[in-house]
Amino acid sequence: MYFNRKCKITFICHGATIYSEEYRFSDVENYPQLSEGGQEEVERICEFLRRRAVKNDVIYTSPSVRTVQTAKMIEKLYKKDSIILEGLRPRKCGKLNGLTIEQIENKFPHLLESWFNNTEYDDELEAESINDFINHTKKIIDEVVEQNIGNRVIIVTHPEVIQAAICAALEIPYGKIAKIFIKTGSATQISYYENWASLVYSDHTPIF
């Protein structure tokens, strides 16, 4: 049936880190950890999930320290362990890794332009292309949906993964991914049906 929902996924963006607060690019898994402000963001997300009585059958997380820390806090709410999915990783940054947007704008403005606009692989940037990243993310999420028919899923991951999920679900041209803004400590929900998907809400940051 057209409205026969297969799976509902609530995407939780990890809390803030010193890198996100500095607008610094990073695709590494073991650093940085959540900042004090990031932990407070996740506490608000947990309260949001509790107040809205968001049901959950399974929790997935990327392997990064910042997402695992976030998932651990959500685990306490649902009293269940999360499952690490290697594929829920951020986009590979190439030469931008470790740099702030300000540093890139001052030294390598053409590389920043390539990051946001090149849908195909760029030899100079040495970063994952937008097309490859979104296609990879879509494949992982499609697998999660097929493995969780009828379930309500929480995925704890990175801003760019959620951007990619929205692009894929709504069939937004991949080159427009940068126009989708996802804050740390936010919630986004997508319902997946047989031949289409619906964005229920995006980038919700609870304030109590």
C-alpha atoms as a PDB file:
ATOM      1  CA  MET A   1       0.000   0.000   0.000  1.00  0.00           C
ATOM      2  CA  TYR A   2       1.076   3.579  -0.701  1.00  0.00           C
ATOM      3  CA  PHE A   3       0.940   4.576   2.955  1.00  0.00           C
ATOM      4  CA  ASN A   4       2.271   1.300   4.358  1.00  0.00           C
ATOM      5  CA  ARG A   5       5.246   2.530   6.338  1.00  0.00           C
ATOM      6  CA  LYS A   6       8.279   0.252   6.382  1.00  0.00           C
ATOM      7  CA  CYS A   7      10.352   1.976   9.048  1.00  0.00           C
ATOM      8  CA  LYS A   8      10.640   5.228  10.987  1.00  0.00           C
ATOM      9  CA  ILE A   9      14.115   6.583  11.762  1.00  0.00           C
ATOM     10  CA  THR A  10      14.926   9.333  14.229  1.00  0.00           C
ATOM     11  CA  PHE A  11      18.390  10.672  13.417  1.00  0.00           C
ATOM     12  CA  ILE A  12      20.214  12.210  16.365  1.00  0.00           C
ATOM     13  CA  CYS A  13      23.184  14.451  15.624  1.00  0.00           C
ATOM     14  CA  HIS A  14      25.963  14.071  18.184  1.00  0.00           C
ATOM     15  CA  GLY A  15      26.552  16.839  20.704  1.00  0.00           C
ATOM     16  CA  ALA A  16      29.028  19.667  20.188  1.00  0.00           C
ATOM     17  CA  THR A  17      32.800  19.184  20.381  1.00  0.00           C
ATOM     18  CA  ILE A  18      35.680  21.655  20.385  1.00  0.00           C
ATOM     19  CA  TYR A  19      35.954  20.986  16.638  1.00  0.00           C
ATOM     20  CA  SER A  20      32.327  21.762  15.867  1.00  0.00           C
ATOM     21  CA  GLU A  21      32.518  24.869  18.044  1.00  0.00           C
ATOM     22  CA  GLU A  22      35.548  26.018  15.987  1.00  0.00           C
ATOM     23  CA  TYR A  23      33.939  25.013  12.644  1.00  0.00           C
ATOM     24  CA  ARG A  24      36.842  22.644  12.072  1.00  0.00           C
ATOM     25  CA  PHE A  25      36.733  19.798   9.536  1.00  0.00           C
ATOM     26  CA  SER A  26      37.420  16.295  10.831  1.00  0.00           C
ATOM     27  CA  ASP A  27      36.695  12.734   9.731  1.00  0.00           C
ATOM     28  CA  VAL A  28      38.725  10.961  12.440  1.00  0.00           C
ATOM     29  CA  GLU A  29      36.957   8.613  14.852  1.00  0.00           C
ATOM     30  CA  ASN A  30      38.973   8.815  18.072  1.00  0.00           C
ATOM     31  CA  TYR A  31      38.882  12.613  18.607  1.00  0.00           C
ATOM     32  CA  PRO A  32      37.398  14.913  19.758  1.00  0.00           C
ATOM     33  CA  GLN A  33      35.051  13.952  22.559  1.00  0.00           C
ATOM     34  CA  LEU A  34      31.881  15.816  23.471  1.00  0.00           C
ATOM     35  CA  SER A  35      32.464  19.198  25.069  1.00  0.00           C
ATOM     36  CA  GLU A  36      30.617  20.236  28.216  1.00  0.00           C
ATOM     37  CA  GLY A  37      28.166  22.113  26.007  1.00  0.00           C
ATOM     38  CA  GLY A  38      27.785  19.021  23.827  1.00  0.00           C
ATOM     39  CA  GLN A  39      26.862  16.899  26.810  1.00  0.00           C
ATOM     40  CA  GLU A  40      24.216  19.453  27.760  1.00  0.00           C
ATOM     41  CA  GLU A  41      22.842  19.308  24.205  1.00  0.00           C
ATOM     42  CA  VAL A  42      22.493  15.538  24.426  1.00  0.00           C
ATOM     43  CA  GLU A  43      20.791  15.794  27.815  1.00  0.00           C
ATOM     44  CA  ARG A  44      18.191  18.063  26.194  1.00  0.00           C
ATOM     45  CA  ILE A  45      17.771  15.607  23.320  1.00  0.00           C
ATOM     46  CA  CYS A  46      17.182  12.782  25.808  1.00  0.00           C
ATOM     47  CA  GLU A  47      14.567  14.888  27.580  1.00  0.00           C
ATOM     48  CA  PHE A  48      12.959  15.659  24.207  1.00  0.00           C
ATOM     49  CA  LEU A  49      12.766  11.950  23.387  1.00  0.00           C
ATOM     50  CA  ARG A  50      11.298  11.224  26.815  1.00  0.00           C
ATOM     51  CA  ARG A  51       8.686  13.993  26.670  1.00  0.00           C
ATOM     52  CA  ARG A  52       7.564  13.102  23.152  1.00  0.00           C
ATOM     53  CA  ALA A  53       7.509   9.435  24.139  1.00  0.00           C
ATOM     54  CA  VAL A  54       9.533   8.591  21.024  1.00  0.00           C
ATOM     55  CA  LYS A  55       9.327   4.811  20.801  1.00  0.00           C
ATOM     56  CA  ASN A  56      12.379   2.796  19.893  1.00  0.00           C
ATOM     57  CA  ASP A  57      13.214  -0.754  18.894  1.00  0.00           C
ATOM     58  CA  VAL A  58      16.918  -0.418  18.080  1.00  0.00           C
ATOM     59  CA  ILE A  59      19.685   2.195  18.396  1.00  0.00           C
ATOM     60  CA  TYR A  60      22.526   2.439  15.868  1.00  0.00           C
ATOM     61  CA  THR A  61      25.577   4.673  16.144  1.00  0.00           C
ATOM     62  CA  SER A  62      28.641   5.524  14.115  1.00  0.00           C
ATOM     63  CA  PRO A  63      31.944   4.347  15.671  1.00  0.00           C
ATOM     64  CA  SER A  64      33.240   7.866  16.367  1.00  0.00           C
ATOM     65  CA  VAL A  65      33.933   8.798  19.983  1.00  0.00           C
ATOM     66  CA  ARG A  66      31.529  11.755  19.839  1.00  0.00           C
ATOM     67  CA  THR A  67      28.642   9.661  18.514  1.00  0.00           C
ATOM     68  CA  VAL A  68      29.283   6.722  20.835  1.00  0.00           C
ATOM     69  CA  GLN A  69      29.272   9.109  23.815  1.00  0.00           C
ATOM     70  CA  THR A  70      25.971  10.533  22.598  1.00  0.00           C
ATOM     71  CA  ALA A  71      24.519   7.053  22.081  1.00  0.00           C
ATOM     72  CA  LYS A  72      25.563   5.989  25.597  1.00  0.00           C
ATOM     73  CA  MET A  73      23.444   8.773  27.064  1.00  0.00           C
ATOM     74  CA  ILE A  74      20.457   7.739  24.932  1.00  0.00           C
ATOM     75  CA  GLU A  75      20.969   4.078  25.904  1.00  0.00           C
ATOM     76  CA  LYS A  76      20.210   4.980  29.517  1.00  0.00           C
ATOM     77  CA  LEU A  77      16.837   6.399  28.493  1.00  0.00           C
ATOM     78  CA  TYR A  78      15.796   3.243  26.624  1.00  0.00           C
ATOM     79  CA  LYS A  79      17.707   0.783  28.805  1.00  0.00           C
ATOM     80  CA  LYS A  80      19.231  -0.953  25.791  1.00  0.00           C
ATOM     81  CA  ASP A  81      22.642  -1.097  24.129  1.00  0.00           C
ATOM     82  CA  SER A  82      23.374   0.552  20.809  1.00  0.00           C
ATOM     83  CA  ILE A  83      24.809  -1.179  17.752  1.00  0.00           C
ATOM     84  CA  ILE A  84      27.851   0.319  16.016  1.00  0.00           C
ATOM     85  CA  LEU A  85      27.528   0.634  12.234  1.00  0.00           C
ATOM     86  CA  GLU A  86      30.837   1.368  10.524  1.00  0.00           C
ATOM     87  CA  GLY A  87      29.051   2.870   7.521  1.00  0.00           C
ATOM     88  CA  LEU A  88      27.606   5.775   9.506  1.00  0.00           C
ATOM     89  CA  ARG A  89      30.836   7.704   9.134  1.00  0.00           C
ATOM     90  CA  PRO A  90      31.362  11.360   8.187  1.00  0.00           C
ATOM     91  CA  ARG A  91      32.461  12.374   4.709  1.00  0.00           C
ATOM     92  CA  LYS A  92      36.227  11.983   4.197  1.00  0.00           C
ATOM     93  CA  CYS A  93      37.760  15.468   4.303  1.00  0.00           C
ATOM     94  CA  GLY A  94      41.010  14.968   2.423  1.00  0.00           C
ATOM     95  CA  LYS A  95      43.218  18.072   2.600  1.00  0.00           C
ATOM     96  CA  LEU A  96      40.622  19.929   4.704  1.00  0.00           C
ATOM     97  CA  ASN A  97      41.071  17.584   7.657  1.00  0.00           C
ATOM     98  CA  GLY A  98      41.922  19.452  10.865  1.00  0.00           C
ATOM     99  CA  LEU A  99      41.424  22.922   9.356  1.00  0.00           C
ATOM    100  CA  THR A 100      38.852  25.544  10.301  1.00  0.00           C
ATOM    101  CA  ILE A 101      36.662  27.207   7.694  1.00  0.00           C
ATOM    102  CA  GLU A 102      38.481  30.484   8.397  1.00  0.00           C
ATOM    103  CA  GLN A 103      41.882  28.867   7.760  1.00  0.00           C
ATOM    104  CA  ILE A 104      40.654  27.363   4.496  1.00  0.00           C
ATOM    105  CA  GLU A 105      39.099  30.643   3.337  1.00  0.00           C
ATOM    106  CA  ASN A 106      42.397  32.437   3.984  1.00  0.00           C
ATOM    107  CA  LYS A 107      44.778  29.866   2.486  1.00  0.00           C
ATOM    108  CA  PHE A 108      42.848  27.569   0.133  1.00  0.00           C
ATOM    109  CA  PRO A 109      39.539  29.215  -0.865  1.00  0.00           C
ATOM    110  CA  HIS A 110      39.336  27.122  -4.045  1.00  0.00           C
ATOM    111  CA  LEU A 111      39.415  23.918  -1.963  1.00  0.00           C
ATOM    112  CA  LEU A 112      36.425  25.064   0.080  1.00  0.00           C
ATOM    113  CA  GLU A 113      34.588  25.738  -3.169  1.00  0.00           C
ATOM    114  CA  SER A 114      35.451  22.227  -4.349  1.00  0.00           C
ATOM    115  CA  TRP A 115      34.209  20.697  -1.076  1.00  0.00           C
ATOM    116  CA  PHE A 116      30.778  22.289  -1.337  1.00  0.00           C
ATOM    117  CA  ASN A 117      30.215  22.118  -5.095  1.00  0.00           C
ATOM    118  CA  ASN A 118      32.093  19.212  -6.696  1.00  0.00           C
ATOM    119  CA  THR A 119      29.826  16.206  -6.971  1.00  0.00           C
ATOM    120  CA  GLU A 120      32.638  14.122  -8.475  1.00  0.00           C
ATOM    121  CA  TYR A 121      36.053  13.235  -7.047  1.00  0.00           C
ATOM    122  CA  ASP A 122      38.557  16.110  -7.049  1.00  0.00           C
ATOM    123  CA  ASP A 123      42.229  15.041  -7.309  1.00  0.00           C
ATOM    124  CA  GLU A 124      43.491  18.219  -5.657  1.00  0.00           C
ATOM    125  CA  LEU A 125      41.054  18.117  -2.726  1.00  0.00           C
ATOM    126  CA  GLU A 126      41.626  14.380  -2.144  1.00  0.00           C
ATOM    127  CA  ALA A 127      38.281  14.190  -0.360  1.00  0.00           C
ATOM    128  CA  GLU A 128      35.278  11.935  -0.848  1.00  0.00           C
ATOM    129  CA  SER A 129      32.969  13.293  -3.554  1.00  0.00           C
ATOM    130  CA  ILE A 130      29.454  14.419  -2.673  1.00  0.00           C
ATOM    131  CA  ASN A 131      27.986  11.754  -4.972  1.00  0.00           C
ATOM    132  CA  ASP A 132      30.010   8.923  -3.459  1.00  0.00           C
ATOM    133  CA  PHE A 133      29.241  10.022   0.093  1.00  0.00           C
ATOM    134  CA  ILE A 134      25.475  10.339  -0.400  1.00  0.00           C
ATOM    135  CA  ASN A 135      25.274   7.069  -2.343  1.00  0.00           C
ATOM    136  CA  HIS A 136      27.240   5.301   0.395  1.00  0.00           C
ATOM    137  CA  THR A 137      25.008   6.764   3.105  1.00  0.00           C
ATOM    138  CA  LYS A 138      21.840   5.859   1.189  1.00  0.00           C
ATOM    139  CA  LYS A 139      23.015   2.246   0.856  1.00  0.00           C
ATOM    140  CA  ILE A 140      23.622   1.962   4.621  1.00  0.00           C
ATOM    141  CA  ILE A 141      20.247   3.497   5.512  1.00  0.00           C
ATOM    142  CA  ASP A 142      18.414   1.343   2.962  1.00  0.00           C
ATOM    143  CA  GLU A 143      19.956  -1.706   4.635  1.00  0.00           C
ATOM    144  CA  VAL A 144      18.845  -0.472   8.058  1.00  0.00           C
ATOM    145  CA  VAL A 145      15.295   0.031   6.768  1.00  0.00           C
ATOM    146  CA  GLU A 146      15.121  -3.451   5.220  1.00  0.00           C
ATOM    147  CA  GLN A 147      16.445  -5.030   8.424  1.00  0.00           C
ATOM    148  CA  ASN A 148      13.900  -3.167  10.560  1.00  0.00           C
ATOM    149  CA  ILE A 149      10.561  -3.488   8.793  1.00  0.00           C
ATOM    150  CA  GLY A 150       7.888  -2.224  11.182  1.00  0.00           C
ATOM    151  CA  ASN A 151      10.475  -0.938  13.661  1.00  0.00           C
ATOM    152  CA  ARG A 152      11.197   2.495  15.095  1.00  0.00           C
ATOM    153  CA  VAL A 153      14.911   3.190  14.862  1.00  0.00           C
ATOM    154  CA  ILE A 154      17.279   5.753  16.347  1.00  0.00           C
ATOM    155  CA  ILE A 155      20.500   6.508  14.448  1.00  0.00           C
ATOM    156  CA  VAL A 156      23.158   8.562  16.242  1.00  0.00           C
ATOM    157  CA  THR A 157      25.503  10.055  13.697  1.00  0.00           C
ATOM    158  CA  HIS A 158      27.119  13.150  12.147  1.00  0.00           C
ATOM    159  CA  PRO A 159      25.574  16.291  10.593  1.00  0.00           C
ATOM    160  CA  GLU A 160      26.685  15.403   7.049  1.00  0.00           C
ATOM    161  CA  VAL A 161      25.224  11.883   7.320  1.00  0.00           C
ATOM    162  CA  ILE A 162      21.848  13.382   8.216  1.00  0.00           C
ATOM    163  CA  GLN A 163      22.185  15.872   5.359  1.00  0.00           C
ATOM    164  CA  ALA A 164      22.884  12.955   3.007  1.00  0.00           C
ATOM    165  CA  ALA A 165      19.914  10.987   4.362  1.00  0.00           C
ATOM    166  CA  ILE A 166      17.599  13.931   3.685  1.00  0.00           C
ATOM    167  CA  CYS A 167      18.999  14.406   0.162  1.00  0.00           C
ATOM    168  CA  ALA A 168      18.471  10.737  -0.639  1.00  0.00           C
ATOM    169  CA  ALA A 169      15.019  10.486   0.962  1.00  0.00           C
ATOM    170  CA  LEU A 170      13.596  13.595  -0.715  1.00  0.00           C
ATOM    171  CA  GLU A 171      15.515  13.145  -3.985  1.00  0.00           C
ATOM    172  CA  ILE A 172      17.175  16.534  -3.603  1.00  0.00           C
ATOM    173  CA  PRO A 173      19.985  17.133  -6.127  1.00  0.00           C
ATOM    174  CA  TYR A 174      23.193  16.059  -4.454  1.00  0.00           C
ATOM    175  CA  GLY A 175      24.913  19.363  -5.176  1.00  0.00           C
ATOM    176  CA  LYS A 176      22.402  21.078  -2.857  1.00  0.00           C
ATOM    177  CA  ILE A 177      23.470  19.142   0.264  1.00  0.00           C
ATOM    178  CA  ALA A 178      25.220  22.185   1.788  1.00  0.00           C
ATOM    179  CA  LYS A 179      21.881  24.026   1.844  1.00  0.00           C
ATOM    180  CA  ILE A 180      20.562  21.567   4.444  1.00  0.00           C
ATOM    181  CA  PHE A 181      21.634  22.766   7.878  1.00  0.00           C
ATOM    182  CA  ILE A 182      21.959  20.284  10.745  1.00  0.00           C
ATOM    183  CA  LYS A 183      23.078  21.492  14.164  1.00  0.00           C
ATOM    184  CA  THR A 184      24.822  19.406  16.803  1.00  0.00           C
ATOM    185  CA  GLY A 185      22.448  18.058  19.441  1.00  0.00           C
ATOM    186  CA  SER A 186      19.475  18.051  17.063  1.00  0.00           C
ATOM    187  CA  ALA A 187      16.842  15.519  15.998  1.00  0.00           C
ATOM    188  CA  THR A 188      15.560  14.717  12.504  1.00  0.00           C
ATOM    189  CA  GLN A 189      12.888  12.148  11.693  1.00  0.00           C
ATOM    190  CA  ILE A 190      12.215  10.419   8.366  1.00  0.00           C
ATOM    191  CA  SER A 191       9.474   7.867   7.659  1.00  0.00           C
ATOM    192  CA  TYR A 192      10.309   5.326   4.947  1.00  0.00           C
ATOM    193  CA  TYR A 193       7.591   3.783   2.786  1.00  0.00           C
ATOM    194  CA  GLU A 194       7.684   1.250  -0.029  1.00  0.00           C
ATOM    195  CA  ASN A 195       8.549   3.666  -2.836  1.00  0.00           C
ATOM    196  CA  TRP A 196       9.046   7.006  -1.125  1.00  0.00           C
ATOM    197  CA  ALA A 197      10.004   8.735   2.109  1.00  0.00           C
ATOM    198  CA  SER A 198       8.654  11.622   4.163  1.00  0.00           C
ATOM    199  CA  LEU A 199      10.633  14.137   6.226  1.00  0.00           C
ATOM    200  CA  VAL A 200       8.618  14.503   9.435  1.00  0.00           C
ATOM    201  CA  TYR A 201      10.851  17.132  11.046  1.00  0.00           C
ATOM    202  CA  SER A 202      14.449  18.289  10.655  1.00  0.00           C
ATOM    203  CA  ASP A 203      17.200  19.872  12.771  1.00  0.00           C
ATOM    204  CA  HIS A 204      14.971  20.171  15.848  1.00  0.00           C
ATOM    205  CA  THR A 205      16.959  21.490  18.787  1.00  0.00           C
ATOM    206  CA  PRO A 206      14.960  21.285  22.021  1.00  0.00           C
ATOM    207  CA  ILE A 207      15.133  24.147  24.500  1.00  0.00           C
ATOM    208  CA  PHE A 208      13.826  23.611  28.012  1.00  0.00           C
END
